[in-house]
Amino acid sequence: MNRINQHLDQVNWIAQLADLKHAHYHNSLLVTALIELLVEKGIMTARDIAVMSAELDASFTPRPADPTL
């Protein structure tokens, strides 16, 4: 692979990373707005959301295998 292609690949990776950061920013705004609306309208409390977040985090966190098995 020549040097120009290597540089173009690097530029492409940087552009993809910038796109991901932009999407993450917009998703964060959306989640924040939804949480604020749920709390503001009395549908959920901040505590409900914190508990649900902790439960979801725990369910998606891989647990190490039991070394005694």
C-alpha atoms as a PDB file:
ATOM      1  CA  MET A   1       0.000   0.000   0.000  1.00  0.00           C
ATOM      2  CA  ASN A   2       1.466   3.344  -0.909  1.00  0.00           C
ATOM      3  CA  ARG A   3       1.806   6.298   1.417  1.00  0.00           C
ATOM      4  CA  ILE A   4      -1.069   8.248  -0.136  1.00  0.00           C
ATOM      5  CA  ASN A   5      -3.505   5.392   0.483  1.00  0.00           C
ATOM      6  CA  GLN A   6      -2.263   5.067   4.065  1.00  0.00           C
ATOM      7  CA  HIS A   7      -2.888   8.761   4.668  1.00  0.00           C
ATOM      8  CA  LEU A   8      -6.321   8.584   3.058  1.00  0.00           C
ATOM      9  CA  ASP A   9      -7.187   5.626   5.294  1.00  0.00           C
ATOM     10  CA  GLN A  10      -6.143   7.657   8.332  1.00  0.00           C
ATOM     11  CA  VAL A  11      -8.277  10.598   7.210  1.00  0.00           C
ATOM     12  CA  ASN A  12     -11.207   8.216   6.707  1.00  0.00           C
ATOM     13  CA  TRP A  13     -10.804   6.824  10.258  1.00  0.00           C
ATOM     14  CA  ILE A  14     -10.675  10.343  11.681  1.00  0.00           C
ATOM     15  CA  ALA A  15     -13.842  11.283   9.776  1.00  0.00           C
ATOM     16  CA  GLN A  16     -15.634   8.176  11.045  1.00  0.00           C
ATOM     17  CA  LEU A  17     -14.611   9.000  14.611  1.00  0.00           C
ATOM     18  CA  ALA A  18     -15.921  12.546  14.206  1.00  0.00           C
ATOM     19  CA  ASP A  19     -19.228  11.158  12.916  1.00  0.00           C
ATOM     20  CA  LEU A  20     -19.487   8.843  15.934  1.00  0.00           C
ATOM     21  CA  LYS A  21     -18.791  11.715  18.329  1.00  0.00           C
ATOM     22  CA  HIS A  22     -21.490  13.782  16.628  1.00  0.00           C
ATOM     23  CA  ALA A  23     -24.021  10.926  16.852  1.00  0.00           C
ATOM     24  CA  HIS A  24     -23.115  10.306  20.505  1.00  0.00           C
ATOM     25  CA  TYR A  25     -23.645  13.995  21.302  1.00  0.00           C
ATOM     26  CA  HIS A  26     -27.101  13.987  19.698  1.00  0.00           C
ATOM     27  CA  ASN A  27     -28.066  10.740  21.429  1.00  0.00           C
ATOM     28  CA  SER A  28     -26.959  12.199  24.767  1.00  0.00           C
ATOM     29  CA  LEU A  29     -29.115  15.278  24.173  1.00  0.00           C
ATOM     30  CA  LEU A  30     -32.112  13.124  23.304  1.00  0.00           C
ATOM     31  CA  VAL A  31     -31.737  10.911  26.383  1.00  0.00           C
ATOM     32  CA  THR A  32     -31.313  13.947  28.635  1.00  0.00           C
ATOM     33  CA  ALA A  33     -34.419  15.603  27.193  1.00  0.00           C
ATOM     34  CA  LEU A  34     -36.471  12.419  27.599  1.00  0.00           C
ATOM     35  CA  ILE A  35     -35.363  11.972  31.212  1.00  0.00           C
ATOM     36  CA  GLU A  36     -36.188  15.576  32.037  1.00  0.00           C
ATOM     37  CA  LEU A  37     -39.641  15.231  30.442  1.00  0.00           C
ATOM     38  CA  LEU A  38     -40.400  11.988  32.293  1.00  0.00           C
ATOM     39  CA  VAL A  39     -39.459  13.569  35.615  1.00  0.00           C
ATOM     40  CA  GLU A  40     -41.172  16.885  34.847  1.00  0.00           C
ATOM     41  CA  LYS A  41     -44.442  15.155  33.906  1.00  0.00           C
ATOM     42  CA  GLY A  42     -44.315  12.938  36.995  1.00  0.00           C
ATOM     43  CA  ILE A  43     -44.142   9.730  34.976  1.00  0.00           C
ATOM     44  CA  MET A  44     -40.905   8.660  36.663  1.00  0.00           C
ATOM     45  CA  THR A  45     -38.737  10.035  39.426  1.00  0.00           C
ATOM     46  CA  ALA A  46     -35.030  10.656  39.178  1.00  0.00           C
ATOM     47  CA  ARG A  47     -34.611   7.783  41.649  1.00  0.00           C
ATOM     48  CA  ASP A  48     -36.612   5.427  39.378  1.00  0.00           C
ATOM     49  CA  ILE A  49     -34.340   6.292  36.483  1.00  0.00           C
ATOM     50  CA  ALA A  50     -31.192   5.838  38.580  1.00  0.00           C
ATOM     51  CA  VAL A  51     -32.356   2.410  39.784  1.00  0.00           C
ATOM     52  CA  MET A  52     -33.307   1.314  36.272  1.00  0.00           C
ATOM     53  CA  SER A  53     -29.962   2.532  34.919  1.00  0.00           C
ATOM     54  CA  ALA A  54     -28.089   0.569  37.580  1.00  0.00           C
ATOM     55  CA  GLU A  55     -30.121  -2.567  36.817  1.00  0.00           C
ATOM     56  CA  LEU A  56     -29.516  -2.259  33.085  1.00  0.00           C
ATOM     57  CA  ASP A  57     -25.819  -1.620  33.639  1.00  0.00           C
ATOM     58  CA  ALA A  58     -25.556  -4.700  35.851  1.00  0.00           C
ATOM     59  CA  SER A  59     -27.379  -6.853  33.310  1.00  0.00           C
ATOM     60  CA  PHE A  60     -25.036  -5.792  30.502  1.00  0.00           C
ATOM     61  CA  THR A  61     -21.828  -6.047  32.542  1.00  0.00           C
ATOM     62  CA  PRO A  62     -20.116  -9.381  31.912  1.00  0.00           C
ATOM     63  CA  ARG A  63     -19.427 -11.377  35.014  1.00  0.00           C
ATOM     64  CA  PRO A  64     -16.193 -13.328  35.336  1.00  0.00           C
ATOM     65  CA  ALA A  65     -16.557 -17.092  35.283  1.00  0.00           C
ATOM     66  CA  ASP A  66     -16.596 -18.835  38.649  1.00  0.00           C
ATOM     67  CA  PRO A  67     -13.016 -20.113  39.136  1.00  0.00           C
ATOM     68  CA  THR A  68     -14.227 -22.946  41.399  1.00  0.00           C
ATOM     69  CA  LEU A  69     -16.196 -24.641  38.600  1.00  0.00           C
END
